[in-house]
Amino acid sequence: MSQIYSFPQAIFVKMFRRWAAARAVDVDRRAAMADVYRGPGSAMMAAVACDSLFALVEAHLERELTPECCCSRALTADEAALLGLLYHAGNASGVTADAAMPHGLSGAICWAALAARRELGLSSAAHRPPPLADPLHCPFRQRAESVDRRSLN
C-alpha cells in the first residue's frame, strides 16, 4: 500500500484531480490547477508543466487517466502511477528501462515529469516513491482501482 509522503505530492494529486475535472466540463485546465497550487515558484508554471505531463501520458496510453473523487483519501491506480512516474523520471533517461520503470519512458514524458517535479519543488532523492503492486508491469495498466491513502487534504 502506498502513501502520500509529502505536501508537494499531495498538491500534485490535487492538481491532477482538478485537471481531470476541468477537462470533463471543458474549462481551462491550467487555470483550474493553478488555483490549488501552494508551493515554491509560479502556480502557472507548475500548472503548465503538469498539464503537459498528464496530456502526454494520456496520449501514450491512448486513454483518459482515472482520477478519484476530489475529496477522497484514496488514490486510483493511475494517481499512484503518476506519483511513481514523477519520482522515477530522473532515474529513467528517455526510453531507457530500469528496475523502477521496466518499460522505460519516452523522452517527452521524462522531460515533462522532470519539469513538473522541478516546478513542484520535488527532488527524487528527498521523497519516497509509492510502492507499485507489480513492479514488473506498467502501473497504468491497472485501471480504476483505489488504494487506501493517508489524507490528501
N, C-alpha and C. Protein backbone atom coordinates (compact mmCIF):
# COMPACT_ATOMS: atom_id res chain seq x y z
N MET A 1 0.84 -1.17 0.00
CA MET A 1 0.00 0.00 0.00
C MET A 1 0.89 1.24 0.00
N SER A 2 0.68 2.13 -0.92
CA SER A 2 1.48 3.34 -0.99
C SER A 2 0.77 4.49 -0.30
N GLN A 3 1.54 5.51 0.00
CA GLN A 3 1.00 6.67 0.70
C GLN A 3 1.57 7.94 0.11
N ILE A 4 0.96 9.04 0.49
CA ILE A 4 1.49 10.36 0.18
C ILE A 4 2.50 10.68 1.27
N TYR A 5 3.73 10.99 0.87
CA TYR A 5 4.79 11.23 1.83
C TYR A 5 5.15 12.69 1.99
N SER A 6 4.61 13.56 1.14
CA SER A 6 4.99 14.96 1.25
C SER A 6 3.85 15.86 0.79
N PHE A 7 3.91 17.10 1.22
CA PHE A 7 2.94 18.10 0.81
C PHE A 7 2.96 18.30 -0.71
N PRO A 8 4.15 18.42 -1.34
CA PRO A 8 4.15 18.57 -2.80
C PRO A 8 3.50 17.40 -3.53
N GLN A 9 3.63 16.19 -3.02
CA GLN A 9 2.96 15.05 -3.64
C GLN A 9 1.44 15.20 -3.54
N ALA A 10 0.95 15.65 -2.38
CA ALA A 10 -0.48 15.85 -2.20
C ALA A 10 -1.00 16.93 -3.15
N ILE A 11 -0.22 18.00 -3.31
CA ILE A 11 -0.61 19.06 -4.23
C ILE A 11 -0.64 18.54 -5.67
N PHE A 12 0.32 17.71 -6.03
CA PHE A 12 0.36 17.11 -7.37
C PHE A 12 -0.92 16.31 -7.64
N VAL A 13 -1.35 15.51 -6.66
CA VAL A 13 -2.57 14.72 -6.83
C VAL A 13 -3.78 15.64 -6.94
N LYS A 14 -3.84 16.67 -6.11
CA LYS A 14 -4.95 17.63 -6.20
C LYS A 14 -4.98 18.31 -7.56
N MET A 15 -3.79 18.66 -8.06
CA MET A 15 -3.73 19.29 -9.37
C MET A 15 -4.22 18.34 -10.46
N PHE A 16 -3.86 17.06 -10.37
CA PHE A 16 -4.34 16.09 -11.35
C PHE A 16 -5.86 15.97 -11.29
N ARG A 17 -6.42 15.93 -10.10
CA ARG A 17 -7.88 15.82 -9.97
C ARG A 17 -8.58 17.05 -10.54
N ARG A 18 -8.01 18.22 -10.30
CA ARG A 18 -8.57 19.45 -10.86
C ARG A 18 -8.47 19.43 -12.39
N TRP A 19 -7.33 18.96 -12.90
CA TRP A 19 -7.12 18.88 -14.34
C TRP A 19 -8.17 17.98 -14.98
N ALA A 20 -8.40 16.82 -14.40
CA ALA A 20 -9.38 15.87 -14.95
C ALA A 20 -10.79 16.44 -14.87
N ALA A 21 -11.12 17.11 -13.77
CA ALA A 21 -12.45 17.72 -13.62
C ALA A 21 -12.65 18.85 -14.62
N ALA A 22 -11.63 19.66 -14.82
CA ALA A 22 -11.72 20.77 -15.78
C ALA A 22 -11.88 20.24 -17.20
N ARG A 23 -11.17 19.18 -17.51
CA ARG A 23 -11.29 18.56 -18.83
C ARG A 23 -12.72 18.06 -19.05
N ALA A 24 -13.30 17.46 -18.02
CA ALA A 24 -14.64 16.88 -18.13
C ALA A 24 -15.71 17.93 -18.43
N VAL A 25 -15.51 19.16 -17.93
CA VAL A 25 -16.51 20.22 -18.16
C VAL A 25 -16.02 21.25 -19.17
N ASP A 26 -14.89 20.96 -19.82
CA ASP A 26 -14.35 21.79 -20.89
C ASP A 26 -14.05 23.23 -20.45
N VAL A 27 -13.32 23.35 -19.34
CA VAL A 27 -12.84 24.66 -18.90
C VAL A 27 -11.31 24.63 -18.89
N ASP A 28 -10.70 25.77 -18.67
CA ASP A 28 -9.24 25.90 -18.71
C ASP A 28 -8.59 25.03 -17.63
N ARG A 29 -7.92 23.97 -18.06
CA ARG A 29 -7.29 23.04 -17.13
C ARG A 29 -6.16 23.69 -16.36
N ARG A 30 -5.37 24.50 -17.02
CA ARG A 30 -4.22 25.12 -16.35
C ARG A 30 -4.66 26.09 -15.27
N ALA A 31 -5.66 26.90 -15.54
CA ALA A 31 -6.16 27.83 -14.53
C ALA A 31 -6.75 27.07 -13.34
N ALA A 32 -7.46 25.98 -13.62
CA ALA A 32 -8.04 25.18 -12.54
C ALA A 32 -6.95 24.60 -11.64
N MET A 33 -5.86 24.15 -12.24
CA MET A 33 -4.75 23.60 -11.44
C MET A 33 -4.03 24.70 -10.68
N ALA A 34 -3.83 25.84 -11.31
CA ALA A 34 -3.11 26.94 -10.66
C ALA A 34 -3.84 27.41 -9.40
N ASP A 35 -5.17 27.29 -9.38
CA ASP A 35 -5.95 27.71 -8.22
C ASP A 35 -5.63 26.91 -6.96
N VAL A 36 -5.21 25.66 -7.10
CA VAL A 36 -4.94 24.83 -5.93
C VAL A 36 -3.46 24.74 -5.59
N TYR A 37 -2.61 25.29 -6.44
CA TYR A 37 -1.16 25.17 -6.22
C TYR A 37 -0.72 25.99 -5.02
N ARG A 38 0.02 25.35 -4.14
CA ARG A 38 0.63 26.02 -3.00
C ARG A 38 2.05 25.48 -2.89
N GLY A 39 3.00 26.27 -3.25
CA GLY A 39 4.37 25.80 -3.20
C GLY A 39 5.33 26.85 -3.71
N PRO A 40 6.57 26.45 -3.89
CA PRO A 40 7.57 27.40 -4.37
C PRO A 40 7.32 27.74 -5.84
N GLY A 41 7.71 28.91 -6.23
CA GLY A 41 7.64 29.27 -7.64
C GLY A 41 6.25 29.67 -8.10
N SER A 42 6.09 29.67 -9.39
CA SER A 42 4.89 30.16 -10.04
C SER A 42 3.83 29.07 -10.15
N ALA A 43 2.61 29.41 -9.72
CA ALA A 43 1.49 28.47 -9.84
C ALA A 43 1.22 28.14 -11.31
N MET A 44 1.31 29.14 -12.17
CA MET A 44 1.02 28.89 -13.59
C MET A 44 2.09 28.01 -14.23
N MET A 45 3.35 28.19 -13.85
CA MET A 45 4.41 27.33 -14.41
C MET A 45 4.22 25.89 -13.96
N ALA A 46 3.84 25.68 -12.70
CA ALA A 46 3.57 24.33 -12.22
C ALA A 46 2.39 23.73 -12.97
N ALA A 47 1.36 24.54 -13.21
CA ALA A 47 0.18 24.06 -13.93
C ALA A 47 0.53 23.69 -15.37
N VAL A 48 1.35 24.49 -16.03
CA VAL A 48 1.76 24.20 -17.41
C VAL A 48 2.56 22.90 -17.46
N ALA A 49 3.48 22.73 -16.53
CA ALA A 49 4.30 21.51 -16.50
C ALA A 49 3.43 20.27 -16.27
N CYS A 50 2.51 20.35 -15.31
CA CYS A 50 1.64 19.21 -15.01
C CYS A 50 0.67 18.93 -16.16
N ASP A 51 0.14 19.99 -16.78
CA ASP A 51 -0.75 19.83 -17.93
C ASP A 51 -0.05 19.05 -19.04
N SER A 52 1.18 19.40 -19.31
CA SER A 52 1.95 18.69 -20.34
C SER A 52 2.15 17.23 -19.98
N LEU A 53 2.51 16.98 -18.72
CA LEU A 53 2.75 15.61 -18.28
C LEU A 53 1.48 14.76 -18.41
N PHE A 54 0.36 15.26 -17.89
CA PHE A 54 -0.88 14.48 -17.92
C PHE A 54 -1.32 14.22 -19.37
N ALA A 55 -1.23 15.24 -20.22
CA ALA A 55 -1.65 15.08 -21.62
C ALA A 55 -0.75 14.08 -22.36
N LEU A 56 0.56 14.14 -22.12
CA LEU A 56 1.48 13.20 -22.77
C LEU A 56 1.23 11.76 -22.31
N VAL A 57 0.98 11.57 -21.02
CA VAL A 57 0.71 10.22 -20.52
C VAL A 57 -0.57 9.68 -21.14
N GLU A 58 -1.62 10.49 -21.18
CA GLU A 58 -2.87 10.04 -21.80
C GLU A 58 -2.67 9.71 -23.29
N ALA A 59 -1.93 10.54 -23.98
CA ALA A 59 -1.68 10.27 -25.40
C ALA A 59 -0.91 8.96 -25.59
N HIS A 60 0.06 8.72 -24.72
CA HIS A 60 0.84 7.49 -24.80
C HIS A 60 -0.03 6.26 -24.51
N LEU A 61 -0.88 6.38 -23.50
CA LEU A 61 -1.74 5.25 -23.12
C LEU A 61 -2.94 5.08 -24.05
N GLU A 62 -3.26 6.13 -24.80
CA GLU A 62 -4.43 6.15 -25.67
C GLU A 62 -5.72 5.95 -24.90
N ARG A 63 -5.77 6.55 -23.72
CA ARG A 63 -6.98 6.54 -22.89
C ARG A 63 -6.88 7.67 -21.86
N GLU A 64 -8.02 8.02 -21.27
CA GLU A 64 -8.02 9.03 -20.23
C GLU A 64 -7.53 8.42 -18.92
N LEU A 65 -6.80 9.21 -18.16
CA LEU A 65 -6.39 8.80 -16.82
C LEU A 65 -7.59 8.90 -15.89
N THR A 66 -7.64 8.03 -14.90
CA THR A 66 -8.78 7.97 -13.99
C THR A 66 -8.45 8.63 -12.66
N PRO A 67 -9.16 9.72 -12.31
CA PRO A 67 -8.96 10.34 -11.00
C PRO A 67 -9.93 9.76 -9.97
N GLU A 68 -9.59 9.93 -8.72
CA GLU A 68 -10.50 9.62 -7.62
C GLU A 68 -11.35 10.87 -7.40
N CYS A 69 -12.38 10.75 -6.59
CA CYS A 69 -13.20 11.90 -6.22
C CYS A 69 -12.31 12.96 -5.55
N CYS A 70 -12.63 14.22 -5.75
CA CYS A 70 -11.76 15.31 -5.28
C CYS A 70 -11.50 15.28 -3.78
N CYS A 71 -12.42 14.79 -2.99
CA CYS A 71 -12.25 14.82 -1.53
C CYS A 71 -11.90 13.45 -0.95
N SER A 72 -11.64 12.47 -1.79
CA SER A 72 -11.35 11.12 -1.33
C SER A 72 -9.93 11.02 -0.76
N ARG A 73 -9.79 10.17 0.24
CA ARG A 73 -8.46 9.86 0.78
C ARG A 73 -7.77 8.77 -0.02
N ALA A 74 -8.51 8.10 -0.86
CA ALA A 74 -7.95 7.02 -1.68
C ALA A 74 -7.38 7.58 -2.98
N LEU A 75 -6.48 6.83 -3.57
CA LEU A 75 -5.93 7.17 -4.88
C LEU A 75 -6.28 6.06 -5.85
N THR A 76 -6.51 6.43 -7.08
CA THR A 76 -6.69 5.41 -8.11
C THR A 76 -5.31 4.85 -8.48
N ALA A 77 -5.33 3.75 -9.20
CA ALA A 77 -4.07 3.18 -9.68
C ALA A 77 -3.35 4.18 -10.59
N ASP A 78 -4.11 4.95 -11.37
CA ASP A 78 -3.49 5.96 -12.23
C ASP A 78 -2.80 7.05 -11.41
N GLU A 79 -3.43 7.48 -10.33
CA GLU A 79 -2.81 8.51 -9.48
C GLU A 79 -1.53 8.00 -8.83
N ALA A 80 -1.58 6.77 -8.34
CA ALA A 80 -0.37 6.18 -7.75
C ALA A 80 0.72 6.03 -8.81
N ALA A 81 0.33 5.65 -10.03
CA ALA A 81 1.30 5.50 -11.11
C ALA A 81 1.90 6.85 -11.50
N LEU A 82 1.09 7.92 -11.50
CA LEU A 82 1.62 9.26 -11.78
C LEU A 82 2.64 9.67 -10.74
N LEU A 83 2.37 9.37 -9.47
CA LEU A 83 3.35 9.68 -8.41
C LEU A 83 4.64 8.91 -8.63
N GLY A 84 4.52 7.64 -9.00
CA GLY A 84 5.71 6.85 -9.28
C GLY A 84 6.49 7.39 -10.46
N LEU A 85 5.77 7.78 -11.50
CA LEU A 85 6.41 8.36 -12.68
C LEU A 85 7.12 9.66 -12.32
N LEU A 86 6.48 10.48 -11.51
CA LEU A 86 7.08 11.75 -11.09
C LEU A 86 8.37 11.50 -10.32
N TYR A 87 8.37 10.49 -9.49
CA TYR A 87 9.56 10.16 -8.69
C TYR A 87 10.68 9.60 -9.55
N HIS A 88 10.35 8.66 -10.42
CA HIS A 88 11.37 7.92 -11.16
C HIS A 88 11.84 8.59 -12.45
N ALA A 89 11.22 9.67 -12.85
CA ALA A 89 11.56 10.29 -14.14
C ALA A 89 13.03 10.67 -14.21
N GLY A 90 13.61 11.10 -13.12
CA GLY A 90 15.02 11.47 -13.13
C GLY A 90 15.95 10.28 -13.23
N ASN A 91 15.42 9.10 -12.94
CA ASN A 91 16.22 7.89 -13.00
C ASN A 91 16.12 7.18 -14.35
N ALA A 92 15.15 7.57 -15.13
CA ALA A 92 14.96 6.95 -16.45
C ALA A 92 15.31 7.99 -17.51
N SER A 93 16.32 7.70 -18.29
CA SER A 93 16.74 8.68 -19.31
C SER A 93 16.14 8.30 -20.65
N GLY A 94 15.16 9.07 -21.06
CA GLY A 94 14.50 8.79 -22.33
C GLY A 94 13.79 7.46 -22.31
N VAL A 95 14.03 6.65 -23.31
CA VAL A 95 13.32 5.37 -23.42
C VAL A 95 14.03 4.24 -22.68
N THR A 96 15.08 4.54 -21.95
CA THR A 96 15.84 3.52 -21.23
C THR A 96 14.99 2.90 -20.13
N ALA A 97 15.00 1.60 -20.04
CA ALA A 97 14.28 0.89 -18.98
C ALA A 97 15.22 0.64 -17.81
N ASP A 98 14.65 0.58 -16.62
CA ASP A 98 15.41 0.17 -15.44
C ASP A 98 14.46 -0.59 -14.53
N ALA A 99 14.90 -0.97 -13.35
CA ALA A 99 14.06 -1.77 -12.45
C ALA A 99 12.80 -1.03 -12.04
N ALA A 100 12.88 0.29 -11.91
CA ALA A 100 11.72 1.08 -11.48
C ALA A 100 10.71 1.27 -12.62
N MET A 101 11.19 1.39 -13.82
CA MET A 101 10.35 1.59 -14.99
C MET A 101 10.74 0.55 -16.04
N PRO A 102 10.27 -0.70 -15.90
CA PRO A 102 10.72 -1.77 -16.78
C PRO A 102 10.40 -1.54 -18.25
N HIS A 103 9.39 -0.75 -18.53
CA HIS A 103 9.01 -0.47 -19.92
C HIS A 103 9.66 0.80 -20.43
N GLY A 104 10.40 1.52 -19.57
CA GLY A 104 11.05 2.76 -19.97
C GLY A 104 10.06 3.91 -20.06
N LEU A 105 10.58 5.07 -20.38
CA LEU A 105 9.77 6.27 -20.56
C LEU A 105 10.15 6.92 -21.87
N SER A 106 9.18 7.50 -22.55
CA SER A 106 9.53 8.27 -23.74
C SER A 106 10.27 9.52 -23.29
N GLY A 107 11.08 10.06 -24.15
CA GLY A 107 11.83 11.26 -23.82
C GLY A 107 10.92 12.42 -23.45
N ALA A 108 9.80 12.58 -24.16
CA ALA A 108 8.88 13.68 -23.89
C ALA A 108 8.25 13.54 -22.50
N ILE A 109 7.82 12.33 -22.15
CA ILE A 109 7.22 12.12 -20.82
C ILE A 109 8.27 12.33 -19.74
N CYS A 110 9.47 11.84 -19.97
CA CYS A 110 10.54 12.01 -18.99
C CYS A 110 10.80 13.50 -18.73
N TRP A 111 10.92 14.27 -19.80
CA TRP A 111 11.18 15.70 -19.63
C TRP A 111 10.00 16.42 -19.00
N ALA A 112 8.77 16.04 -19.34
CA ALA A 112 7.60 16.67 -18.73
C ALA A 112 7.55 16.37 -17.23
N ALA A 113 7.88 15.14 -16.85
CA ALA A 113 7.91 14.78 -15.43
C ALA A 113 9.00 15.54 -14.70
N LEU A 114 10.16 15.68 -15.32
CA LEU A 114 11.24 16.45 -14.71
C LEU A 114 10.83 17.91 -14.51
N ALA A 115 10.15 18.49 -15.50
CA ALA A 115 9.69 19.88 -15.38
C ALA A 115 8.65 20.01 -14.28
N ALA A 116 7.71 19.07 -14.21
CA ALA A 116 6.69 19.11 -13.16
C ALA A 116 7.33 18.98 -11.78
N ARG A 117 8.27 18.06 -11.66
CA ARG A 117 8.95 17.88 -10.38
C ARG A 117 9.70 19.15 -9.98
N ARG A 118 10.37 19.76 -10.92
CA ARG A 118 11.11 21.00 -10.63
C ARG A 118 10.15 22.10 -10.17
N GLU A 119 9.04 22.28 -10.89
CA GLU A 119 8.09 23.35 -10.55
C GLU A 119 7.38 23.09 -9.22
N LEU A 120 7.22 21.83 -8.85
CA LEU A 120 6.57 21.49 -7.58
C LEU A 120 7.55 21.48 -6.42
N GLY A 121 8.82 21.63 -6.71
CA GLY A 121 9.82 21.62 -5.65
C GLY A 121 10.13 20.24 -5.11
N LEU A 122 9.94 19.22 -5.94
CA LEU A 122 10.24 17.83 -5.55
C LEU A 122 11.61 17.43 -6.08
N SER A 123 12.34 16.69 -5.28
CA SER A 123 13.57 16.08 -5.78
C SER A 123 13.43 14.58 -5.60
N SER A 124 13.95 13.81 -6.52
CA SER A 124 13.75 12.36 -6.46
C SER A 124 14.37 11.75 -5.22
N ALA A 125 15.45 12.31 -4.74
CA ALA A 125 16.13 11.74 -3.58
C ALA A 125 15.40 12.03 -2.27
N ALA A 126 14.67 13.12 -2.22
CA ALA A 126 14.07 13.55 -0.95
C ALA A 126 12.74 12.89 -0.64
N HIS A 127 12.10 12.28 -1.61
CA HIS A 127 10.76 11.73 -1.40
C HIS A 127 10.71 10.29 -1.86
N ARG A 128 10.09 9.46 -1.05
CA ARG A 128 9.97 8.05 -1.41
C ARG A 128 8.88 7.88 -2.46
N PRO A 129 9.06 6.95 -3.38
CA PRO A 129 8.02 6.69 -4.36
C PRO A 129 6.95 5.80 -3.75
N PRO A 130 5.75 5.83 -4.30
CA PRO A 130 4.76 4.86 -3.85
C PRO A 130 5.15 3.48 -4.36
N PRO A 131 5.11 2.45 -3.50
CA PRO A 131 5.43 1.12 -3.99
C PRO A 131 4.37 0.67 -5.00
N LEU A 132 4.80 -0.02 -6.01
CA LEU A 132 3.89 -0.49 -7.04
C LEU A 132 3.42 -1.90 -6.69
N ALA A 133 2.17 -2.19 -7.01
CA ALA A 133 1.63 -3.51 -6.72
C ALA A 133 2.39 -4.59 -7.48
N ASP A 134 2.78 -4.31 -8.70
CA ASP A 134 3.51 -5.26 -9.53
C ASP A 134 4.57 -4.49 -10.30
N PRO A 135 5.79 -4.39 -9.75
CA PRO A 135 6.81 -3.55 -10.38
C PRO A 135 7.31 -4.05 -11.73
N LEU A 136 6.90 -5.24 -12.16
CA LEU A 136 7.34 -5.75 -13.45
C LEU A 136 6.41 -5.35 -14.60
N HIS A 137 5.28 -4.72 -14.28
CA HIS A 137 4.32 -4.32 -15.29
C HIS A 137 3.97 -2.85 -15.13
N CYS A 138 3.56 -2.24 -16.21
CA CYS A 138 3.21 -0.82 -16.20
C CYS A 138 2.07 -0.58 -15.21
N PRO A 139 2.25 0.33 -14.25
CA PRO A 139 1.20 0.58 -13.27
C PRO A 139 -0.03 1.24 -13.88
N PHE A 140 0.09 1.84 -15.06
CA PHE A 140 -1.06 2.46 -15.69
C PHE A 140 -2.00 1.44 -16.30
N ARG A 141 -1.58 0.19 -16.40
CA ARG A 141 -2.45 -0.85 -16.94
C ARG A 141 -3.54 -1.23 -15.94
N GLN A 142 -3.26 -1.03 -14.66
CA GLN A 142 -4.27 -1.27 -13.64
C GLN A 142 -5.24 -0.10 -13.72
N ARG A 143 -6.51 -0.36 -13.80
CA ARG A 143 -7.44 0.71 -14.06
C ARG A 143 -8.53 0.80 -13.00
N ALA A 144 -8.83 2.02 -12.61
CA ALA A 144 -9.97 2.34 -11.75
C ALA A 144 -9.96 1.62 -10.41
N GLU A 145 -8.81 1.21 -9.95
CA GLU A 145 -8.71 0.65 -8.62
C GLU A 145 -8.31 1.75 -7.66
N SER A 146 -8.82 1.71 -6.45
CA SER A 146 -8.43 2.68 -5.44
C SER A 146 -7.54 2.00 -4.42
N VAL A 147 -6.60 2.76 -3.91
CA VAL A 147 -5.69 2.27 -2.89
C VAL A 147 -5.86 3.16 -1.67
N ASP A 148 -6.00 2.57 -0.49
CA ASP A 148 -6.17 3.35 0.73
C ASP A 148 -4.98 4.27 0.93
N ARG A 149 -5.23 5.51 1.29
CA ARG A 149 -4.18 6.53 1.44
C ARG A 149 -4.39 7.32 2.71
N ARG A 150 -3.31 7.97 3.13
CA ARG A 150 -3.45 8.98 4.16
C ARG A 150 -4.15 10.16 3.53
N SER A 151 -4.58 11.09 4.33
CA SER A 151 -5.33 12.24 3.85
C SER A 151 -4.55 13.05 2.82
N LEU A 152 -5.25 13.47 1.79
CA LEU A 152 -4.67 14.36 0.78
C LEU A 152 -5.03 15.81 1.08
N ASN A 153 -5.91 16.03 2.02
CA ASN A 153 -6.41 17.39 2.27
C ASN A 153 -5.64 18.13 3.30
